[in-house]
Amino acid sequence: MAGGTGLAAVFATTPGLVAYVPPCPIHALTGIDCPGCGMTRGTMSLLSGDLAGAVGHNALMFVLGLPLLALLWFFWLRDRVGGRPAPGWARSRAALYTWLALTVVFTVVRNLPWSPFTALAA
């Protein structure tokens, strides 16, 4: 319910108008783009039908994160409705640690001051 309300609020807002969204505390304090920087603007772009804009704001979330989340949600739903559990990789600690490692690598790479890495900055 809260997620749907949040998406409705983001959808109702003009993509360039994010004055009501508080700034990222990590970016405000350090100047470093955290792994979540750009997600609100990316969600606005995605809800407006601009997939390229969404990927431009946060490539990790909109290229890997959302498809993976949708797949895990499908497995969860299939388990609840049909009684078929998720595959082993979806329930493993290795998958969680791999995602955490990808997030750390993405954070480091998006903050490198050289081209082409500067394109990953929010």
PDB file of N, CA and C in Angstrom:
ATOM      1  N   MET A   1       0.824  -1.191   0.000  1.00  0.00           N
ATOM      2  CA  MET A   1       0.000   0.000   0.000  1.00  0.00           C
ATOM      3  C   MET A   1       0.870   1.257   0.000  1.00  0.00           C
ATOM      4  N   ALA A   2       1.846   1.303   0.905  1.00  0.00           N
ATOM      5  CA  ALA A   2       2.717   2.480   0.981  1.00  0.00           C
ATOM      6  C   ALA A   2       3.547   2.619  -0.285  1.00  0.00           C
ATOM      7  N   GLY A   3       4.001   1.502  -0.847  1.00  0.00           N
ATOM      8  CA  GLY A   3       4.781   1.551  -2.075  1.00  0.00           C
ATOM      9  C   GLY A   3       3.965   2.097  -3.231  1.00  0.00           C
ATOM     10  N   GLY A   4       2.718   1.671  -3.333  1.00  0.00           N
ATOM     11  CA  GLY A   4       1.833   2.174  -4.384  1.00  0.00           C
ATOM     12  C   GLY A   4       1.553   3.654  -4.226  1.00  0.00           C
ATOM     13  N   THR A   5       1.367   4.094  -2.982  1.00  0.00           N
ATOM     14  CA  THR A   5       1.144   5.513  -2.715  1.00  0.00           C
ATOM     15  C   THR A   5       2.378   6.321  -3.095  1.00  0.00           C
ATOM     16  N   GLY A   6       3.543   5.814  -2.761  1.00  0.00           N
ATOM     17  CA  GLY A   6       4.786   6.495  -3.118  1.00  0.00           C
ATOM     18  C   GLY A   6       4.969   6.588  -4.622  1.00  0.00           C
ATOM     19  N   LEU A   7       4.669   5.481  -5.339  1.00  0.00           N
ATOM     20  CA  LEU A   7       4.783   5.510  -6.799  1.00  0.00           C
ATOM     21  C   LEU A   7       3.788   6.495  -7.407  1.00  0.00           C
ATOM     22  N   ALA A   8       2.575   6.562  -6.851  1.00  0.00           N
ATOM     23  CA  ALA A   8       1.574   7.522  -7.350  1.00  0.00           C
ATOM     24  C   ALA A   8       2.066   8.954  -7.147  1.00  0.00           C
ATOM     25  N   ALA A   9       2.676   9.224  -5.991  1.00  0.00           N
ATOM     26  CA  ALA A   9       3.198  10.573  -5.731  1.00  0.00           C
ATOM     27  C   ALA A   9       4.335  10.909  -6.684  1.00  0.00           C
ATOM     28  N   VAL A  10       5.206   9.944  -6.930  1.00  0.00           N
ATOM     29  CA  VAL A  10       6.317  10.177  -7.859  1.00  0.00           C
ATOM     30  C   VAL A  10       5.784  10.372  -9.273  1.00  0.00           C
ATOM     31  N   PHE A  11       4.788   9.571  -9.669  1.00  0.00           N
ATOM     32  CA  PHE A  11       4.214   9.681 -11.012  1.00  0.00           C
ATOM     33  C   PHE A  11       3.534  11.032 -11.223  1.00  0.00           C
ATOM     34  N   ALA A  12       2.908  11.546 -10.176  1.00  0.00           N
ATOM     35  CA  ALA A  12       2.172  12.805 -10.291  1.00  0.00           C
ATOM     36  C   ALA A  12       3.092  14.021 -10.343  1.00  0.00           C
ATOM     37  N   THR A  13       4.373  13.823 -10.044  1.00  0.00           N
ATOM     38  CA  THR A  13       5.325  14.932 -10.002  1.00  0.00           C
ATOM     39  C   THR A  13       6.049  15.059 -11.337  1.00  0.00           C
ATOM     40  N   THR A  14       6.285  16.268 -11.752  1.00  0.00           N
ATOM     41  CA  THR A  14       7.064  16.520 -12.963  1.00  0.00           C
ATOM     42  C   THR A  14       8.490  16.019 -12.733  1.00  0.00           C
ATOM     43  N   PRO A  15       9.087  15.282 -13.685  1.00  0.00           N
ATOM     44  CA  PRO A  15      10.427  14.732 -13.471  1.00  0.00           C
ATOM     45  C   PRO A  15      11.481  15.753 -13.059  1.00  0.00           C
ATOM     46  N   GLY A  16      11.406  16.975 -13.508  1.00  0.00           N
ATOM     47  CA  GLY A  16      12.405  17.970 -13.131  1.00  0.00           C
ATOM     48  C   GLY A  16      12.150  18.597 -11.771  1.00  0.00           C
ATOM     49  N   LEU A  17      10.964  18.353 -11.200  1.00  0.00           N
ATOM     50  CA  LEU A  17      10.584  18.985  -9.940  1.00  0.00           C
ATOM     51  C   LEU A  17      10.704  17.971  -8.808  1.00  0.00           C
ATOM     52  N   VAL A  18      11.814  17.973  -8.118  1.00  0.00           N
ATOM     53  CA  VAL A  18      12.001  17.053  -7.001  1.00  0.00           C
ATOM     54  C   VAL A  18      12.307  17.832  -5.729  1.00  0.00           C
ATOM     55  N   ALA A  19      11.742  19.022  -5.611  1.00  0.00           N
ATOM     56  CA  ALA A  19      12.028  19.876  -4.460  1.00  0.00           C
ATOM     57  C   ALA A  19      11.524  19.271  -3.151  1.00  0.00           C
ATOM     58  N   TYR A  20      10.481  18.456  -3.220  1.00  0.00           N
ATOM     59  CA  TYR A  20       9.942  17.867  -1.996  1.00  0.00           C
ATOM     60  C   TYR A  20      10.730  16.646  -1.539  1.00  0.00           C
ATOM     61  N   VAL A  21      11.620  16.148  -2.367  1.00  0.00           N
ATOM     62  CA  VAL A  21      12.418  14.979  -2.013  1.00  0.00           C
ATOM     63  C   VAL A  21      13.664  15.443  -1.280  1.00  0.00           C
ATOM     64  N   PRO A  22      13.878  14.932  -0.072  1.00  0.00           N
ATOM     65  CA  PRO A  22      15.086  15.349   0.649  1.00  0.00           C
ATOM     66  C   PRO A  22      16.342  14.865  -0.070  1.00  0.00           C
ATOM     67  N   PRO A  23      17.421  15.631   0.001  1.00  0.00           N
ATOM     68  CA  PRO A  23      18.653  15.208  -0.668  1.00  0.00           C
ATOM     69  C   PRO A  23      19.256  13.985   0.022  1.00  0.00           C
ATOM     70  N   CYS A  24      20.031  13.261  -0.713  1.00  0.00           N
ATOM     71  CA  CYS A  24      20.717  12.090  -0.161  1.00  0.00           C
ATOM     72  C   CYS A  24      21.693  12.566   0.911  1.00  0.00           C
ATOM     73  N   PRO A  25      21.602  12.059   2.139  1.00  0.00           N
ATOM     74  CA  PRO A  25      22.511  12.523   3.188  1.00  0.00           C
ATOM     75  C   PRO A  25      23.972  12.171   2.903  1.00  0.00           C
ATOM     76  N   ILE A  26      24.221  11.034   2.286  1.00  0.00           N
ATOM     77  CA  ILE A  26      25.602  10.647   1.975  1.00  0.00           C
ATOM     78  C   ILE A  26      26.186  11.616   0.953  1.00  0.00           C
ATOM     79  N   HIS A  27      25.414  11.926  -0.091  1.00  0.00           N
ATOM     80  CA  HIS A  27      25.900  12.850  -1.112  1.00  0.00           C
ATOM     81  C   HIS A  27      26.045  14.267  -0.553  1.00  0.00           C
ATOM     82  N   ALA A  28      25.112  14.670   0.304  1.00  0.00           N
ATOM     83  CA  ALA A  28      25.175  16.016   0.882  1.00  0.00           C
ATOM     84  C   ALA A  28      26.394  16.177   1.795  1.00  0.00           C
ATOM     85  N   LEU A  29      26.751  15.126   2.525  1.00  0.00           N
ATOM     86  CA  LEU A  29      27.877  15.213   3.467  1.00  0.00           C
ATOM     87  C   LEU A  29      29.233  14.975   2.813  1.00  0.00           C
ATOM     88  N   THR A  30      29.274  14.065   1.833  1.00  0.00           N
ATOM     89  CA  THR A  30      30.571  13.658   1.295  1.00  0.00           C
ATOM     90  C   THR A  30      30.779  14.018  -0.171  1.00  0.00           C
ATOM     91  N   GLY A  31      29.703  14.268  -0.911  1.00  0.00           N
ATOM     92  CA  GLY A  31      29.824  14.506  -2.343  1.00  0.00           C
ATOM     93  C   GLY A  31      29.921  13.225  -3.151  1.00  0.00           C
ATOM     94  N   ILE A  32      29.818  12.087  -2.473  1.00  0.00           N
ATOM     95  CA  ILE A  32      29.904  10.778  -3.126  1.00  0.00           C
ATOM     96  C   ILE A  32      28.494  10.317  -3.485  1.00  0.00           C
ATOM     97  N   ASP A  33      28.335   9.783  -4.703  1.00  0.00           N
ATOM     98  CA  ASP A  33      27.059   9.195  -5.102  1.00  0.00           C
ATOM     99  C   ASP A  33      26.942   7.817  -4.476  1.00  0.00           C
ATOM    100  N   CYS A  34      25.930   7.632  -3.636  1.00  0.00           N
ATOM    101  CA  CYS A  34      25.709   6.328  -3.007  1.00  0.00           C
ATOM    102  C   CYS A  34      25.011   5.405  -4.019  1.00  0.00           C
ATOM    103  N   PRO A  35      24.842   4.126  -3.703  1.00  0.00           N
ATOM    104  CA  PRO A  35      24.198   3.226  -4.663  1.00  0.00           C
ATOM    105  C   PRO A  35      22.754   3.600  -4.965  1.00  0.00           C
ATOM    106  N   GLY A  36      22.111   4.344  -4.081  1.00  0.00           N
ATOM    107  CA  GLY A  36      20.716   4.719  -4.299  1.00  0.00           C
ATOM    108  C   GLY A  36      20.521   6.062  -4.956  1.00  0.00           C
ATOM    109  N   CYS A  37      21.587   6.827  -5.118  1.00  0.00           N
ATOM    110  CA  CYS A  37      21.463   8.160  -5.726  1.00  0.00           C
ATOM    111  C   CYS A  37      20.885   8.037  -7.132  1.00  0.00           C
ATOM    112  N   GLY A  38      19.882   8.836  -7.411  1.00  0.00           N
ATOM    113  CA  GLY A  38      19.247   8.843  -8.720  1.00  0.00           C
ATOM    114  C   GLY A  38      18.035   7.946  -8.832  1.00  0.00           C
ATOM    115  N   MET A  39      17.698   7.210  -7.768  1.00  0.00           N
ATOM    116  CA  MET A  39      16.576   6.284  -7.881  1.00  0.00           C
ATOM    117  C   MET A  39      15.229   6.994  -7.993  1.00  0.00           C
ATOM    118  N   THR A  40      15.032   8.097  -7.282  1.00  0.00           N
ATOM    119  CA  THR A  40      13.753   8.804  -7.377  1.00  0.00           C
ATOM    120  C   THR A  40      13.584   9.403  -8.769  1.00  0.00           C
ATOM    121  N   ARG A  41      14.620  10.069  -9.261  1.00  0.00           N
ATOM    122  CA  ARG A  41      14.545  10.629 -10.608  1.00  0.00           C
ATOM    123  C   ARG A  41      14.418   9.527 -11.655  1.00  0.00           C
ATOM    124  N   GLY A  42      15.100   8.406 -11.429  1.00  0.00           N
ATOM    125  CA  GLY A  42      14.984   7.275 -12.347  1.00  0.00           C
ATOM    126  C   GLY A  42      13.589   6.677 -12.342  1.00  0.00           C
ATOM    127  N   THR A  43      12.982   6.608 -11.164  1.00  0.00           N
ATOM    128  CA  THR A  43      11.612   6.104 -11.078  1.00  0.00           C
ATOM    129  C   THR A  43      10.653   7.048 -11.785  1.00  0.00           C
ATOM    130  N   MET A  44      10.871   8.355 -11.630  1.00  0.00           N
ATOM    131  CA  MET A  44      10.040   9.322 -12.355  1.00  0.00           C
ATOM    132  C   MET A  44      10.181   9.122 -13.863  1.00  0.00           C
ATOM    133  N   SER A  45      11.403   8.924 -14.317  1.00  0.00           N
ATOM    134  CA  SER A  45      11.630   8.707 -15.748  1.00  0.00           C
ATOM    135  C   SER A  45      10.973   7.414 -16.208  1.00  0.00           C
ATOM    136  N   LEU A  46      11.107   6.359 -15.418  1.00  0.00           N
ATOM    137  CA  LEU A  46      10.530   5.067 -15.777  1.00  0.00           C
ATOM    138  C   LEU A  46       9.009   5.147 -15.839  1.00  0.00           C
ATOM    139  N   LEU A  47       8.393   5.807 -14.867  1.00  0.00           N
ATOM    140  CA  LEU A  47       6.941   5.949 -14.867  1.00  0.00           C
ATOM    141  C   LEU A  47       6.450   6.831 -16.005  1.00  0.00           C
ATOM    142  N   SER A  48       7.328   7.679 -16.527  1.00  0.00           N
ATOM    143  CA  SER A  48       6.979   8.519 -17.678  1.00  0.00           C
ATOM    144  C   SER A  48       7.266   7.808 -18.995  1.00  0.00           C
ATOM    145  N   GLY A  49       7.798   6.587 -18.930  1.00  0.00           N
ATOM    146  CA  GLY A  49       8.084   5.820 -20.128  1.00  0.00           C
ATOM    147  C   GLY A  49       9.474   6.033 -20.695  1.00  0.00           C
ATOM    148  N   ASP A  50      10.342   6.702 -19.948  1.00  0.00           N
ATOM    149  CA  ASP A  50      11.688   7.000 -20.416  1.00  0.00           C
ATOM    150  C   ASP A  50      12.679   6.016 -19.786  1.00  0.00           C
ATOM    151  N   LEU A  51      12.813   4.838 -20.378  1.00  0.00           N
ATOM    152  CA  LEU A  51      13.704   3.810 -19.838  1.00  0.00           C
ATOM    153  C   LEU A  51      15.156   4.253 -19.895  1.00  0.00           C
ATOM    154  N   ALA A  52      15.557   4.915 -20.976  1.00  0.00           N
ATOM    155  CA  ALA A  52      16.939   5.387 -21.090  1.00  0.00           C
ATOM    156  C   ALA A  52      17.255   6.406 -19.999  1.00  0.00           C
ATOM    157  N   GLY A  53      16.314   7.281 -19.691  1.00  0.00           N
ATOM    158  CA  GLY A  53      16.511   8.251 -18.612  1.00  0.00           C
ATOM    159  C   GLY A  53      16.638   7.570 -17.268  1.00  0.00           C
ATOM    160  N   ALA A  54      15.830   6.527 -17.043  1.00  0.00           N
ATOM    161  CA  ALA A  54      15.901   5.789 -15.784  1.00  0.00           C
ATOM    162  C   ALA A  54      17.261   5.123 -15.624  1.00  0.00           C
ATOM    163  N   VAL A  55      17.737   4.496 -16.682  1.00  0.00           N
ATOM    164  CA  VAL A  55      19.054   3.848 -16.650  1.00  0.00           C
ATOM    165  C   VAL A  55      20.147   4.890 -16.451  1.00  0.00           C
ATOM    166  N   GLY A  56      19.974   6.058 -17.025  1.00  0.00           N
ATOM    167  CA  GLY A  56      20.959   7.121 -16.862  1.00  0.00           C
ATOM    168  C   GLY A  56      21.063   7.632 -15.439  1.00  0.00           C
ATOM    169  N   HIS A  57      19.983   7.571 -14.699  1.00  0.00           N
ATOM    170  CA  HIS A  57      20.003   8.044 -13.314  1.00  0.00           C
ATOM    171  C   HIS A  57      20.601   7.018 -12.350  1.00  0.00           C
ATOM    172  N   ASN A  58      20.322   5.734 -12.571  1.00  0.00           N
ATOM    173  CA  ASN A  58      20.878   4.699 -11.703  1.00  0.00           C
ATOM    174  C   ASN A  58      20.897   3.382 -12.476  1.00  0.00           C
ATOM    175  N   ALA A  59      21.997   3.136 -13.148  1.00  0.00           N
ATOM    176  CA  ALA A  59      22.104   1.975 -14.036  1.00  0.00           C
ATOM    177  C   ALA A  59      21.957   0.655 -13.281  1.00  0.00           C
ATOM    178  N   LEU A  60      22.542   0.539 -12.111  1.00  0.00           N
ATOM    179  CA  LEU A  60      22.480  -0.721 -11.375  1.00  0.00           C
ATOM    180  C   LEU A  60      21.044  -1.092 -11.048  1.00  0.00           C
ATOM    181  N   MET A  61      20.280  -0.148 -10.545  1.00  0.00           N
ATOM    182  CA  MET A  61      18.929  -0.460 -10.132  1.00  0.00           C
ATOM    183  C   MET A  61      18.019  -0.774 -11.311  1.00  0.00           C
ATOM    184  N   PHE A  62      18.124  -0.010 -12.397  1.00  0.00           N
ATOM    185  CA  PHE A  62      17.182  -0.178 -13.485  1.00  0.00           C
ATOM    186  C   PHE A  62      17.611  -1.195 -14.528  1.00  0.00           C
ATOM    187  N   VAL A  63      18.857  -1.651 -14.489  1.00  0.00           N
ATOM    188  CA  VAL A  63      19.295  -2.697 -15.410  1.00  0.00           C
ATOM    189  C   VAL A  63      19.276  -4.060 -14.719  1.00  0.00           C
ATOM    190  N   LEU A  64      19.771  -4.133 -13.495  1.00  0.00           N
ATOM    191  CA  LEU A  64      19.820  -5.407 -12.779  1.00  0.00           C
ATOM    192  C   LEU A  64      18.820  -5.498 -11.628  1.00  0.00           C
ATOM    193  N   GLY A  65      18.709  -4.434 -10.856  1.00  0.00           N
ATOM    194  CA  GLY A  65      17.919  -4.487  -9.627  1.00  0.00           C
ATOM    195  C   GLY A  65      16.442  -4.759  -9.825  1.00  0.00           C
ATOM    196  N   LEU A  66      15.785  -3.971 -10.649  1.00  0.00           N
ATOM    197  CA  LEU A  66      14.340  -4.164 -10.845  1.00  0.00           C
ATOM    198  C   LEU A  66      14.000  -5.487 -11.525  1.00  0.00           C
ATOM    199  N   PRO A  67      14.720  -5.889 -12.582  1.00  0.00           N
ATOM    200  CA  PRO A  67      14.417  -7.209 -13.149  1.00  0.00           C
ATOM    201  C   PRO A  67      14.641  -8.345 -12.145  1.00  0.00           C
ATOM    202  N   LEU A  68      15.691  -8.260 -11.351  1.00  0.00           N
ATOM    203  CA  LEU A  68      15.936  -9.284 -10.341  1.00  0.00           C
ATOM    204  C   LEU A  68      14.850  -9.275  -9.277  1.00  0.00           C
ATOM    205  N   LEU A  69      14.451  -8.104  -8.837  1.00  0.00           N
ATOM    206  CA  LEU A  69      13.377  -7.987  -7.856  1.00  0.00           C
ATOM    207  C   LEU A  69      12.071  -8.555  -8.402  1.00  0.00           C
ATOM    208  N   ALA A  70      11.769  -8.281  -9.674  1.00  0.00           N
ATOM    209  CA  ALA A  70      10.555  -8.827 -10.292  1.00  0.00           C
ATOM    210  C   ALA A  70      10.621 -10.354 -10.359  1.00  0.00           C
ATOM    211  N   LEU A  71      11.790 -10.889 -10.676  1.00  0.00           N
ATOM    212  CA  LEU A  71      11.951 -12.339 -10.735  1.00  0.00           C
ATOM    213  C   LEU A  71      11.780 -12.971  -9.360  1.00  0.00           C
ATOM    214  N   LEU A  72      12.379 -12.357  -8.334  1.00  0.00           N
ATOM    215  CA  LEU A  72      12.234 -12.887  -6.972  1.00  0.00           C
ATOM    216  C   LEU A  72      10.791 -12.781  -6.492  1.00  0.00           C
ATOM    217  N   TRP A  73      10.103 -11.709  -6.859  1.00  0.00           N
ATOM    218  CA  TRP A  73       8.702 -11.573  -6.507  1.00  0.00           C
ATOM    219  C   TRP A  73       7.878 -12.671  -7.187  1.00  0.00           C
ATOM    220  N   PHE A  74       8.199 -12.959  -8.453  1.00  0.00           N
ATOM    221  CA  PHE A  74       7.518 -14.042  -9.166  1.00  0.00           C
ATOM    222  C   PHE A  74       7.712 -15.375  -8.452  1.00  0.00           C
ATOM    223  N   PHE A  75       8.949 -15.665  -8.026  1.00  0.00           N
ATOM    224  CA  PHE A  75       9.215 -16.909  -7.311  1.00  0.00           C
ATOM    225  C   PHE A  75       8.437 -16.959  -5.997  1.00  0.00           C
ATOM    226  N   TRP A  76       8.384 -15.847  -5.285  1.00  0.00           N
ATOM    227  CA  TRP A  76       7.653 -15.790  -4.024  1.00  0.00           C
ATOM    228  C   TRP A  76       6.165 -16.046  -4.264  1.00  0.00           C
ATOM    229  N   LEU A  77       5.605 -15.390  -5.280  1.00  0.00           N
ATOM    230  CA  LEU A  77       4.193 -15.547  -5.601  1.00  0.00           C
ATOM    231  C   LEU A  77       3.898 -16.976  -6.034  1.00  0.00           C
ATOM    232  N   ARG A  78       4.756 -17.553  -6.849  1.00  0.00           N
ATOM    233  CA  ARG A  78       4.585 -18.931  -7.298  1.00  0.00           C
ATOM    234  C   ARG A  78       4.605 -19.898  -6.120  1.00  0.00           C
ATOM    235  N   ASP A  79       5.448 -19.612  -5.127  1.00  0.00           N
ATOM    236  CA  ASP A  79       5.510 -20.447  -3.933  1.00  0.00           C
ATOM    237  C   ASP A  79       4.221 -20.329  -3.125  1.00  0.00           C
ATOM    238  N   ARG A  80       3.704 -19.109  -2.972  1.00  0.00           N
ATOM    239  CA  ARG A  80       2.499 -18.894  -2.169  1.00  0.00           C
ATOM    240  C   ARG A  80       1.256 -19.454  -2.831  1.00  0.00           C
ATOM    241  N   VAL A  81       1.159 -19.311  -4.147  1.00  0.00           N
ATOM    242  CA  VAL A  81      -0.041 -19.742  -4.855  1.00  0.00           C
ATOM    243  C   VAL A  81       0.050 -21.207  -5.262  1.00  0.00           C
ATOM    244  N   GLY A  82       1.174 -21.599  -5.824  1.00  0.00           N
ATOM    245  CA  GLY A  82       1.297 -22.948  -6.371  1.00  0.00           C
ATOM    246  C   GLY A  82       2.069 -23.923  -5.514  1.00  0.00           C
ATOM    247  N   GLY A  83       2.704 -23.442  -4.457  1.00  0.00           N
ATOM    248  CA  GLY A  83       3.460 -24.333  -3.587  1.00  0.00           C
ATOM    249  C   GLY A  83       4.798 -24.781  -4.146  1.00  0.00           C
ATOM    250  N   ARG A  84       5.277 -24.135  -5.199  1.00  0.00           N
ATOM    251  CA  ARG A  84       6.581 -24.479  -5.769  1.00  0.00           C
ATOM    252  C   ARG A  84       7.616 -23.512  -5.240  1.00  0.00           C
ATOM    253  N   PRO A  85       8.593 -23.995  -4.484  1.00  0.00           N
ATOM    254  CA  PRO A  85       9.593 -23.087  -3.903  1.00  0.00           C
ATOM    255  C   PRO A  85      10.521 -22.494  -4.958  1.00  0.00           C
ATOM    256  N   ALA A  86      11.127 -21.400  -4.565  1.00  0.00           N
ATOM    257  CA  ALA A  86      12.087 -20.724  -5.441  1.00  0.00           C
ATOM    258  C   ALA A  86      13.295 -21.620  -5.657  1.00  0.00           C
ATOM    259  N   PRO A  87      13.990 -21.446  -6.773  1.00  0.00           N
ATOM    260  CA  PRO A  87      15.207 -22.229  -6.996  1.00  0.00           C
ATOM    261  C   PRO A  87      16.253 -21.929  -5.928  1.00  0.00           C
ATOM    262  N   GLY A  88      17.169 -22.839  -5.776  1.00  0.00           N
ATOM    263  CA  GLY A  88      18.177 -22.720  -4.730  1.00  0.00           C
ATOM    264  C   GLY A  88      18.987 -21.441  -4.782  1.00  0.00           C
ATOM    265  N   TRP A  89      19.333 -20.967  -5.983  1.00  0.00           N
ATOM    266  CA  TRP A  89      20.145 -19.759  -6.085  1.00  0.00           C
ATOM    267  C   TRP A  89      19.411 -18.552  -5.523  1.00  0.00           C
ATOM    268  N   ALA A  90      18.089 -18.528  -5.639  1.00  0.00           N
ATOM    269  CA  ALA A  90      17.314 -17.379  -5.174  1.00  0.00           C
ATOM    270  C   ALA A  90      17.219 -17.333  -3.649  1.00  0.00           C
ATOM    271  N   ARG A  91      17.485 -18.469  -3.006  1.00  0.00           N
ATOM    272  CA  ARG A  91      17.420 -18.527  -1.548  1.00  0.00           C
ATOM    273  C   ARG A  91      18.793 -18.622  -0.895  1.00  0.00           C
ATOM    274  N   SER A  92      19.849 -18.506  -1.687  1.00  0.00           N
ATOM    275  CA  SER A  92      21.190 -18.734  -1.153  1.00  0.00           C
ATOM    276  C   SER A  92      21.829 -17.461  -0.616  1.00  0.00           C
ATOM    277  N   ARG A  93      22.728 -17.655   0.319  1.00  0.00           N
ATOM    278  CA  ARG A  93      23.516 -16.528   0.825  1.00  0.00           C
ATOM    279  C   ARG A  93      24.480 -16.022  -0.237  1.00  0.00           C
ATOM    280  N   ALA A  94      24.925 -16.910  -1.102  1.00  0.00           N
ATOM    281  CA  ALA A  94      25.847 -16.507  -2.166  1.00  0.00           C
ATOM    282  C   ALA A  94      25.202 -15.454  -3.063  1.00  0.00           C
ATOM    283  N   ALA A  95      23.911 -15.589  -3.340  1.00  0.00           N
ATOM    284  CA  ALA A  95      23.215 -14.590  -4.173  1.00  0.00           C
ATOM    285  C   ALA A  95      23.180 -13.243  -3.455  1.00  0.00           C
ATOM    286  N   LEU A  96      22.925 -13.267  -2.161  1.00  0.00           N
ATOM    287  CA  LEU A  96      22.899 -12.028  -1.387  1.00  0.00           C
ATOM    288  C   LEU A  96      24.281 -11.374  -1.367  1.00  0.00           C
ATOM    289  N   TYR A  97      25.310 -12.157  -1.121  1.00  0.00           N
ATOM    290  CA  TYR A  97      26.662 -11.616  -1.077  1.00  0.00           C
ATOM    291  C   TYR A  97      27.110 -11.110  -2.447  1.00  0.00           C
ATOM    292  N   THR A  98      26.681 -11.783  -3.510  1.00  0.00           N
ATOM    293  CA  THR A  98      26.995 -11.322  -4.864  1.00  0.00           C
ATOM    294  C   THR A  98      26.347  -9.971  -5.123  1.00  0.00           C
ATOM    295  N   TRP A  99      25.088  -9.815  -4.716  1.00  0.00           N
ATOM    296  CA  TRP A  99      24.403  -8.528  -4.890  1.00  0.00           C
ATOM    297  C   TRP A  99      25.100  -7.438  -4.083  1.00  0.00           C
ATOM    298  N   LEU A 100      25.490  -7.739  -2.870  1.00  0.00           N
ATOM    299  CA  LEU A 100      26.197  -6.752  -2.049  1.00  0.00           C
ATOM    300  C   LEU A 100      27.531  -6.359  -2.687  1.00  0.00           C
ATOM    301  N   ALA A 101      28.253  -7.333  -3.214  1.00  0.00           N
ATOM    302  CA  ALA A 101      29.531  -7.041  -3.873  1.00  0.00           C
ATOM    303  C   ALA A 101      29.322  -6.184  -5.122  1.00  0.00           C
ATOM    304  N   LEU A 102      28.297  -6.496  -5.913  1.00  0.00           N
ATOM    305  CA  LEU A 102      27.994  -5.685  -7.096  1.00  0.00           C
ATOM    306  C   LEU A 102      27.650  -4.251  -6.707  1.00  0.00           C
ATOM    307  N   THR A 103      26.931  -4.094  -5.609  1.00  0.00           N
ATOM    308  CA  THR A 103      26.562  -2.765  -5.142  1.00  0.00           C
ATOM    309  C   THR A 103      27.791  -1.968  -4.733  1.00  0.00           C
ATOM    310  N   VAL A 104      28.726  -2.605  -4.039  1.00  0.00           N
ATOM    311  CA  VAL A 104      29.953  -1.925  -3.628  1.00  0.00           C
ATOM    312  C   VAL A 104      30.786  -1.550  -4.856  1.00  0.00           C
ATOM    313  N   VAL A 105      30.934  -2.470  -5.794  1.00  0.00           N
ATOM    314  CA  VAL A 105      31.711  -2.190  -7.004  1.00  0.00           C
ATOM    315  C   VAL A 105      31.060  -1.058  -7.797  1.00  0.00           C
ATOM    316  N   PHE A 106      29.745  -1.091  -7.929  1.00  0.00           N
ATOM    317  CA  PHE A 106      29.030  -0.029  -8.648  1.00  0.00           C
ATOM    318  C   PHE A 106      29.254   1.317  -7.977  1.00  0.00           C
ATOM    319  N   THR A 107      29.205   1.344  -6.656  1.00  0.00           N
ATOM    320  CA  THR A 107      29.403   2.595  -5.926  1.00  0.00           C
ATOM    321  C   THR A 107      30.792   3.154  -6.171  1.00  0.00           C
ATOM    322  N   VAL A 108      31.791   2.302  -6.141  1.00  0.00           N
ATOM    323  CA  VAL A 108      33.167   2.762  -6.379  1.00  0.00           C
ATOM    324  C   VAL A 108      33.320   3.248  -7.817  1.00  0.00           C
ATOM    325  N   VAL A 109      32.844   2.458  -8.765  1.00  0.00           N
ATOM    326  CA  VAL A 109      33.030   2.783 -10.181  1.00  0.00           C
ATOM    327  C   VAL A 109      32.277   4.056 -10.562  1.00  0.00           C
ATOM    328  N   ARG A 110      31.075   4.260 -10.027  1.00  0.00           N
ATOM    329  CA  ARG A 110      30.306   5.455 -10.415  1.00  0.00           C
ATOM    330  C   ARG A 110      30.902   6.730  -9.835  1.00  0.00           C
ATOM    331  N   ASN A 111      31.798   6.611  -8.881  1.00  0.00           N
ATOM    332  CA  ASN A 111      32.434   7.779  -8.291  1.00  0.00           C
ATOM    333  C   ASN A 111      33.837   8.040  -8.826  1.00  0.00           C
ATOM    334  N   LEU A 112      34.302   7.231  -9.774  1.00  0.00           N
ATOM    335  CA  LEU A 112      35.604   7.478 -10.391  1.00  0.00           C
ATOM    336  C   LEU A 112      35.500   8.727 -11.273  1.00  0.00           C
ATOM    337  N   PRO A 113      36.507   9.602 -11.223  1.00  0.00           N
ATOM    338  CA  PRO A 113      36.400  10.890 -11.926  1.00  0.00           C
ATOM    339  C   PRO A 113      36.786  10.862 -13.408  1.00  0.00           C
ATOM    340  N   TRP A 114      36.880   9.696 -14.013  1.00  0.00           N
ATOM    341  CA  TRP A 114      37.299   9.595 -15.420  1.00  0.00           C
ATOM    342  C   TRP A 114      36.165   9.098 -16.281  1.00  0.00           C
ATOM    343  N   SER A 115      36.234   9.510 -17.539  1.00  0.00           N
ATOM    344  CA  SER A 115      35.297   8.984 -18.532  1.00  0.00           C
ATOM    345  C   SER A 115      35.696   7.549 -18.829  1.00  0.00           C
ATOM    346  N   PRO A 116      34.838   6.637 -19.026  1.00  0.00           N
ATOM    347  CA  PRO A 116      33.399   6.649 -19.154  1.00  0.00           C
ATOM    348  C   PRO A 116      32.646   6.495 -17.826  1.00  0.00           C
ATOM    349  N   PHE A 117      33.380   6.412 -16.731  1.00  0.00           N
ATOM    350  CA  PHE A 117      32.745   6.175 -15.429  1.00  0.00           C
ATOM    351  C   PHE A 117      31.902   7.348 -14.965  1.00  0.00           C
ATOM    352  N   THR A 118      32.239   8.539 -15.403  1.00  0.00           N
ATOM    353  CA  THR A 118      31.468   9.720 -14.995  1.00  0.00           C
ATOM    354  C   THR A 118      30.030   9.652 -15.508  1.00  0.00           C
ATOM    355  N   ALA A 119      29.782   8.858 -16.526  1.00  0.00           N
ATOM    356  CA  ALA A 119      28.411   8.709 -17.043  1.00  0.00           C
ATOM    357  C   ALA A 119      27.522   7.960 -16.052  1.00  0.00           C
ATOM    358  N   LEU A 120      28.103   7.227 -15.116  1.00  0.00           N
ATOM    359  CA  LEU A 120      27.316   6.494 -14.127  1.00  0.00           C
ATOM    360  C   LEU A 120      26.905   7.339 -12.943  1.00  0.00           C
ATOM    361  N   ALA A 121      27.447   8.526 -12.825  1.00  0.00           N
ATOM    362  CA  ALA A 121      27.098   9.401 -11.698  1.00  0.00           C
ATOM    363  C   ALA A 121      25.651   9.846 -11.834  1.00  0.00           C
ATOM    364  N   ALA A 122      25.001   9.988 -10.682  1.00  0.00           N
ATOM    365  CA  ALA A 122      23.592  10.395 -10.697  1.00  0.00           C
ATOM    366  C   ALA A 122      23.524  11.831 -11.109  1.00  0.00           C
TER     367      ALA A 122
END
